[in-house]
Structures are given as C-alpha cells and as structure tokens.
Amino acid sequence: MKPFARINLSSAALRRVILVSSFALAAMAEAEPLPPKLEDYTHVCKMCGDVTHYPRSYTKPRSMVERLRDGCAKLRSLGLDITLDESVLCRHCVSADKLKIPRFATVVKRDDYSNRRIGDKVEYLYSRVGTSRWYVAPRGNRYWVNHRYIDDDGNILGNNVCIRLHPDLKDPADGHANKGDKMKILCKDGDWVGVEWRAPYPIPWPASCFGDVEYGEGEDASLSRIVNHFEWSIKGRRSQVNLNDMELLLAYMRGSKKVLRGCIMQPIDEYLPEINKLLGKEPTDSSTTERSKP
C-alpha cells in the first residue's frame, strides 16, 4: 500500500477540513490566558453603614471576599458551624492601630542606597520586588531649596531644582523638583528655604533601617486588612481566614477521597491532622485512616 493511498478528498471536503482547522486555531488563540486584571472592592459595613474602599490591585480583593462568602455559605449548608467576620473590612469600626497595620516608620539608620537622615519619616508599602521591601520617602520632613527657585507661596520656579538634606551642602542633592511643584514653607535660613516635601518615587530599603512604626490610613483602606487580618470562626474558634483551609474543609465535608493541593489531587486522609485542628478536635492516632464526619 502506498503512503496516503486512502486519502481521497473532494475539493468541498478539503474546504471543510480547512474551515474546521481555522476555527480550531481561532479557538486555541482565544483560549490563551489573559493577563491578570486590576480589581478594587467597596465594602458597606452592616454595623455602621459606612463605606470603605480598597484600591485597585492584582490582589483582587472583591473576588477574594466573594469567594470566602460563598465557601462559608456552602460549609454551613453542609452542617459546619462557621461564621465569616467581616467587621475588619470597615476601617471606621476597626482601626489600623488595633490591627497593627504599619503605614509610617522612622529611619533609625542610614543605608548606602540613600541619603535619608536618621529621624526622617517614611511611608511603608507592602509590595515587594525580589527580596526588597519598598518604601515611599520622605513624608513630613524638612528639606532645603535655594531661595532663587521658590516663591513666597512655595511654588517651585524652575526645572530640575535640587532638594537638599542640609543647607550647607555637605550632602548631595536628595532629589529634584520641577516648575509647578508645590512645597509647604517651614522656615528660612539666609539663602535657603526649609520646606516639607514628599518624594514621588519608591525607594527599596531593608526593614532593619526602620523603627518606631506609626499608624494611619488614607482615603483607601490598606489591602493588609483583607490579606492578613480577615477572620472566621469555626465552632467558636477564631482564626485568620485561609482559602486553602476553606477548600480542604469543603472537600472533607462533602466526603471526598481526594483534595486538590497545588496542582495535584492528594488523598484527603493525609490532611486529617490539619482538618482536625481546624475543627478543634483532639489529635488522633496517625495510623488511623478511617474518617468520621463532625
């Protein structure tokens, strides 16, 4: 038999094959993963009625809250005594101070990367790049501008104007401002004007450079509330919310033999100690594999 001897397509059949292949390729192209979308979340407190807004982020706060609400509702329908505590989402009811959310800190030592002074205030940000922590600096600190480049109302009069740490020029310029930038004038010293200035760029610093953490929040609430402080109560025991724990409990309560952990289906019996801890049960013999519903 010659190769391809059985292939005998008419022109119409060939056109159909080409058309189907084109649709298949188009479907594959449409199925390519899309980049993650930014998402925000606006929370209306059931206790006080005030609104708390969480900024747009790849963290997807709205999806996370909705997923937790749905998962807890399913667990209750399966007979588990579980309550999702959403009070932390309201920054009017629960302060950042109470939650210990750091937003501002004080420089306690200088770093080779920057000329920041000991005692300067910096704003703490939670994002990371590689192994570095990022900060926005400075905030509310006194810097110096030559009087030729600033008017009596604090308006910068030129471009690439040096903002200095000291009027005696012992340190290099800390940054630059441009025409139209507005400064708050604090004092005057000869040819120099002391101003309050906030650099508009983030600077990576090791956390060891900071201490005396202060607290505060702006118009938007910190995403740390959802990521690090959101809690639930399982049989009266409060703990930090964990999406993986929720999926584990759902699989257990449904009587599943396996549970998805990472990208692999694992036997759920391997996670019995973890499940018992979540449910507040006493530790059992690790050799026992028989499960009983709570």
Protein backbone atom coordinates (compact mmCIF):
# COMPACT_ATOMS: atom_id res chain seq x y z
CA MET A 1 0.00 0.00 0.00
CA LYS A 2 1.38 3.37 -0.97
CA PRO A 3 1.57 6.06 1.67
CA PHE A 4 -1.57 8.20 1.85
CA ALA A 5 -3.27 5.94 -0.67
CA ARG A 6 -6.55 6.07 1.29
CA ILE A 7 -6.70 9.89 1.28
CA ASN A 8 -9.06 10.93 -1.47
CA LEU A 9 -10.82 14.16 -0.51
CA SER A 10 -13.03 16.14 -2.82
CA SER A 11 -12.45 19.86 -3.08
CA ALA A 12 -15.59 20.50 -1.00
CA ALA A 13 -14.39 18.12 1.73
CA LEU A 14 -10.98 19.73 1.64
CA ARG A 15 -12.54 23.15 2.12
CA ARG A 16 -14.48 21.82 5.11
CA VAL A 17 -11.27 20.44 6.67
CA ILE A 18 -9.53 23.77 6.19
CA LEU A 19 -12.52 25.64 7.64
CA VAL A 20 -12.70 23.38 10.71
CA SER A 21 -8.94 23.73 11.22
CA SER A 22 -9.25 27.52 11.05
CA PHE A 23 -11.98 27.50 13.70
CA ALA A 24 -9.86 25.22 15.89
CA LEU A 25 -6.84 27.50 15.61
CA ALA A 26 -9.00 30.53 16.39
CA ALA A 27 -10.43 28.78 19.46
CA MET A 28 -6.91 27.94 20.64
CA ALA A 29 -5.87 31.55 20.22
CA GLU A 30 -8.89 32.74 22.21
CA ALA A 31 -8.11 30.21 24.93
CA GLU A 32 -4.70 31.76 25.64
CA PRO A 33 -4.52 33.04 29.22
CA LEU A 34 -5.16 36.73 29.64
CA PRO A 35 -3.01 38.94 31.87
CA PRO A 36 -4.39 39.41 35.41
CA LYS A 37 -6.83 42.27 35.79
CA LEU A 38 -6.76 45.01 38.36
CA GLU A 39 -9.71 44.89 40.72
CA ASP A 40 -10.98 47.05 43.57
CA TYR A 41 -13.59 46.49 46.26
CA THR A 42 -16.04 48.77 48.06
CA HIS A 43 -17.30 47.44 51.39
CA VAL A 44 -20.51 48.67 53.00
CA CYS A 45 -20.45 47.90 56.73
CA LYS A 46 -23.52 46.09 58.06
CA MET A 47 -22.87 47.51 61.54
CA CYS A 48 -22.41 51.25 60.95
CA GLY A 49 -23.33 51.63 57.29
CA ASP A 50 -20.09 53.44 56.42
CA VAL A 51 -18.24 52.73 53.19
CA THR A 52 -14.63 51.53 53.00
CA HIS A 53 -12.88 51.44 49.63
CA TYR A 54 -10.00 49.14 48.78
CA PRO A 55 -7.80 50.32 45.89
CA ARG A 56 -7.35 48.61 42.53
CA SER A 57 -4.86 45.79 42.84
CA TYR A 58 -3.82 42.44 41.38
CA THR A 59 -4.69 41.03 44.81
CA LYS A 60 -8.33 41.07 43.61
CA PRO A 61 -9.93 41.94 46.97
CA ARG A 62 -13.51 41.76 45.65
CA SER A 63 -13.06 38.25 44.24
CA MET A 64 -11.41 37.09 47.46
CA VAL A 65 -14.24 38.36 49.67
CA GLU A 66 -16.92 36.91 47.38
CA ARG A 67 -15.13 33.55 47.28
CA LEU A 68 -14.92 33.41 51.07
CA ARG A 69 -18.59 34.34 51.49
CA ASP A 70 -19.62 31.64 49.04
CA GLY A 71 -17.37 28.99 50.61
CA CYS A 72 -18.59 29.70 54.14
CA ALA A 73 -22.21 29.55 52.97
CA LYS A 74 -21.57 26.12 51.42
CA LEU A 75 -19.87 24.87 54.59
CA ARG A 76 -22.86 25.99 56.69
CA SER A 77 -25.21 24.16 54.32
CA LEU A 78 -23.11 21.03 54.93
CA GLY A 79 -23.61 21.36 58.70
CA LEU A 80 -20.43 23.14 59.83
CA ASP A 81 -20.74 25.90 62.43
CA ILE A 82 -18.71 28.59 60.66
CA THR A 83 -19.07 32.37 60.61
CA LEU A 84 -17.20 34.89 58.48
CA ASP A 85 -16.32 38.02 60.46
CA GLU A 86 -16.37 40.99 58.09
CA SER A 87 -16.01 43.71 60.73
CA VAL A 88 -12.30 44.04 59.94
CA LEU A 89 -13.17 45.30 56.46
CA CYS A 90 -14.66 48.50 57.89
CA ARG A 91 -11.91 50.97 58.73
CA HIS A 92 -14.46 53.07 60.62
CA CYS A 93 -15.26 50.24 63.06
CA VAL A 94 -11.80 48.67 63.34
CA SER A 95 -8.80 51.00 63.35
CA ALA A 96 -5.47 50.33 61.69
CA ASP A 97 -3.93 50.89 65.13
CA LYS A 98 -5.93 48.00 66.58
CA LEU A 99 -4.99 45.75 63.64
CA LYS A 100 -1.34 46.85 63.91
CA ILE A 101 -1.13 47.77 60.24
CA PRO A 102 2.13 49.71 59.81
CA ARG A 103 1.90 52.62 57.39
CA PHE A 104 4.62 55.02 58.57
CA ALA A 105 8.00 54.44 60.20
CA THR A 106 11.06 56.38 61.35
CA VAL A 107 14.56 55.98 59.91
CA VAL A 108 16.85 54.59 62.62
CA LYS A 109 19.95 54.13 60.46
CA ARG A 110 21.10 55.21 57.04
CA ASP A 111 21.53 52.89 54.09
CA ASP A 112 24.14 53.13 51.36
CA TYR A 113 21.39 53.32 48.76
CA SER A 114 20.02 56.60 50.08
CA ASN A 115 20.97 59.79 51.93
CA ARG A 116 17.91 59.76 54.20
CA ARG A 117 18.57 61.13 57.67
CA ILE A 118 18.01 59.37 60.95
CA GLY A 119 14.66 60.58 62.28
CA ASP A 120 13.04 61.06 58.85
CA LYS A 121 9.53 59.72 58.37
CA VAL A 122 8.80 57.25 55.56
CA GLU A 123 5.62 55.61 54.33
CA TYR A 124 5.62 51.81 54.49
CA LEU A 125 4.32 49.93 51.43
CA TYR A 126 3.52 46.21 51.40
CA SER A 127 4.54 45.38 47.83
CA ARG A 128 7.80 43.57 47.19
CA VAL A 129 10.22 43.45 44.29
CA GLY A 130 12.54 40.48 44.54
CA THR A 131 13.69 40.33 48.15
CA SER A 132 13.45 44.09 48.75
CA ARG A 133 10.83 45.90 50.74
CA TRP A 134 9.70 49.14 49.16
CA TYR A 135 9.08 52.45 50.88
CA VAL A 136 7.94 55.88 49.80
CA ALA A 137 10.16 58.52 51.33
CA PRO A 138 10.15 61.09 52.72
CA ARG A 139 6.95 62.37 54.35
CA GLY A 140 6.61 65.46 56.56
CA ASN A 141 10.38 66.02 56.80
CA ARG A 142 12.31 69.31 56.41
CA TYR A 143 14.35 69.77 53.25
CA TRP A 144 16.03 72.79 51.73
CA VAL A 145 15.61 74.74 48.50
CA ASN A 146 17.65 77.74 47.37
CA HIS A 147 15.51 80.90 47.65
CA ARG A 148 16.06 81.69 43.94
CA TYR A 149 13.96 78.69 42.91
CA ILE A 150 10.90 79.07 45.16
CA ASP A 151 8.45 81.92 45.70
CA ASP A 152 6.79 83.06 48.93
CA ASP A 153 3.82 80.74 48.30
CA GLY A 154 6.01 77.64 47.99
CA ASN A 155 5.85 77.27 44.20
CA ILE A 156 8.96 75.88 42.50
CA LEU A 157 10.18 78.33 39.83
CA GLY A 158 12.45 76.16 37.71
CA ASN A 159 13.05 72.63 36.46
CA ASN A 160 15.37 70.03 37.99
CA VAL A 161 15.69 72.11 41.16
CA CYS A 162 17.81 70.42 43.83
CA ILE A 163 16.07 69.40 47.06
CA ARG A 164 18.75 69.07 49.73
CA LEU A 165 19.01 67.46 53.14
CA HIS A 166 21.13 70.31 54.54
CA PRO A 167 21.53 73.96 53.52
CA ASP A 168 25.32 73.74 53.98
CA LEU A 169 25.61 71.32 51.03
CA LYS A 170 27.57 68.70 52.98
CA ASP A 171 25.38 66.01 51.44
CA PRO A 172 24.49 65.68 47.75
CA ALA A 173 21.05 66.64 46.50
CA ASP A 174 18.40 64.24 47.81
CA GLY A 175 16.10 64.76 44.86
CA HIS A 176 14.79 67.23 42.33
CA ALA A 177 11.58 69.19 41.83
CA ASN A 178 10.16 70.89 38.74
CA LYS A 179 8.23 74.03 37.92
CA GLY A 180 4.68 73.78 39.21
CA ASP A 181 5.53 71.60 42.21
CA LYS A 182 4.14 72.96 45.47
CA MET A 183 6.07 72.99 48.74
CA LYS A 184 4.98 73.83 52.27
CA ILE A 185 7.36 76.51 53.61
CA LEU A 186 8.53 75.78 57.17
CA CYS A 187 11.29 78.35 57.74
CA LYS A 188 14.01 80.46 56.12
CA ASP A 189 17.75 80.48 56.79
CA GLY A 190 19.71 83.00 54.74
CA ASP A 191 19.66 81.90 51.09
CA TRP A 192 17.82 78.70 51.91
CA VAL A 193 14.15 77.93 52.45
CA GLY A 194 13.11 74.99 54.62
CA VAL A 195 10.22 73.07 53.06
CA GLU A 196 8.12 69.98 53.70
CA TRP A 197 8.48 67.76 50.65
CA ARG A 198 7.45 64.25 49.73
CA ALA A 199 9.46 62.42 47.11
CA PRO A 200 7.15 60.92 44.46
CA TYR A 201 9.17 57.74 43.99
CA PRO A 202 9.61 54.46 45.92
CA ILE A 203 12.99 53.51 47.36
CA PRO A 204 13.99 49.91 48.27
CA TRP A 205 15.37 49.73 51.80
CA PRO A 206 15.97 46.84 54.19
CA ALA A 207 13.44 46.72 57.01
CA SER A 208 16.27 46.96 59.56
CA CYS A 209 16.62 50.68 58.70
CA PHE A 210 13.27 51.50 60.31
CA GLY A 211 11.69 51.58 63.73
CA ASP A 212 9.07 53.41 65.78
CA VAL A 213 6.27 52.36 63.45
CA GLU A 214 3.27 54.69 63.40
CA TYR A 215 -0.22 54.04 62.10
CA GLY A 216 -2.62 55.72 59.74
CA GLU A 217 -4.70 55.27 56.64
CA GLY A 218 -5.65 57.49 53.76
CA GLU A 219 -8.80 57.59 51.67
CA ASP A 220 -8.34 53.95 50.64
CA ALA A 221 -8.03 51.17 53.20
CA SER A 222 -4.90 49.03 53.31
CA LEU A 223 -5.19 45.68 51.50
CA SER A 224 -3.47 44.20 54.54
CA ARG A 225 -6.91 44.16 56.19
CA ILE A 226 -8.13 41.51 53.77
CA VAL A 227 -4.88 39.62 53.25
CA ASN A 228 -3.61 39.48 56.85
CA HIS A 229 -6.49 40.30 59.23
CA PHE A 230 -9.71 38.82 57.78
CA GLU A 231 -11.02 36.20 60.27
CA TRP A 232 -13.60 33.47 60.57
CA SER A 233 -14.96 31.47 63.49
CA ILE A 234 -15.19 27.66 63.25
CA LYS A 235 -17.11 26.09 66.13
CA GLY A 236 -16.40 29.20 68.17
CA ARG A 237 -12.63 29.18 67.49
CA ARG A 238 -11.41 32.33 65.74
CA SER A 239 -8.51 32.22 63.29
CA GLN A 240 -7.18 34.02 60.25
CA VAL A 241 -9.00 33.22 57.03
CA ASN A 242 -7.19 30.89 54.64
CA LEU A 243 -8.57 29.98 51.21
CA ASN A 244 -6.66 26.69 51.16
CA ASP A 245 -8.22 25.71 54.50
CA MET A 246 -11.64 26.52 53.12
CA GLU A 247 -11.13 24.23 50.10
CA LEU A 248 -9.83 21.49 52.39
CA LEU A 249 -12.88 21.71 54.65
CA LEU A 250 -15.25 21.72 51.67
CA ALA A 251 -13.69 18.53 50.30
CA TYR A 252 -13.83 16.87 53.74
CA MET A 253 -17.42 17.85 54.47
CA ARG A 254 -18.52 16.57 51.07
CA GLY A 255 -16.91 13.18 51.78
CA SER A 256 -14.35 13.48 49.00
CA LYS A 257 -11.50 10.96 48.97
CA LYS A 258 -9.06 13.45 47.44
CA VAL A 259 -8.40 17.16 47.58
CA LEU A 260 -6.59 19.47 45.17
CA ARG A 261 -3.40 20.77 46.78
CA GLY A 262 -1.38 22.94 44.45
CA CYS A 263 -1.82 21.27 41.05
CA ILE A 264 -2.10 17.67 42.28
CA MET A 265 -5.00 15.68 43.72
CA GLN A 266 -3.89 14.27 47.06
CA PRO A 267 -5.56 11.72 49.38
CA ILE A 268 -7.55 13.71 51.90
CA ASP A 269 -6.55 11.30 54.70
CA GLU A 270 -3.06 12.79 54.57
CA TYR A 271 -4.55 16.06 55.83
CA LEU A 272 -6.58 14.67 58.74
CA PRO A 273 -4.34 16.25 61.43
CA GLU A 274 -4.76 19.62 59.71
CA ILE A 275 -8.52 19.12 59.37
CA ASN A 276 -8.91 18.08 63.00
CA LYS A 277 -7.00 21.17 64.10
CA LEU A 278 -9.32 23.39 62.06
CA LEU A 279 -12.35 21.67 63.56
CA GLY A 280 -10.97 21.85 67.11
CA LYS A 281 -10.79 18.07 67.51
CA GLU A 282 -8.35 16.22 69.72
CA PRO A 283 -5.33 14.71 67.88
CA THR A 284 -5.93 11.16 66.72
CA ASP A 285 -3.59 8.23 66.06
CA SER A 286 -1.83 8.95 62.76
CA SER A 287 -2.19 5.27 61.84
CA THR A 288 -5.96 5.58 61.83
CA THR A 289 -7.28 6.36 58.36
CA GLU A 290 -10.99 5.94 58.97
CA ARG A 291 -12.78 9.31 58.86
CA SER A 292 -15.89 10.39 60.66
CA LYS A 293 -17.91 13.49 59.92
CA PRO A 294 -18.00 16.21 62.61
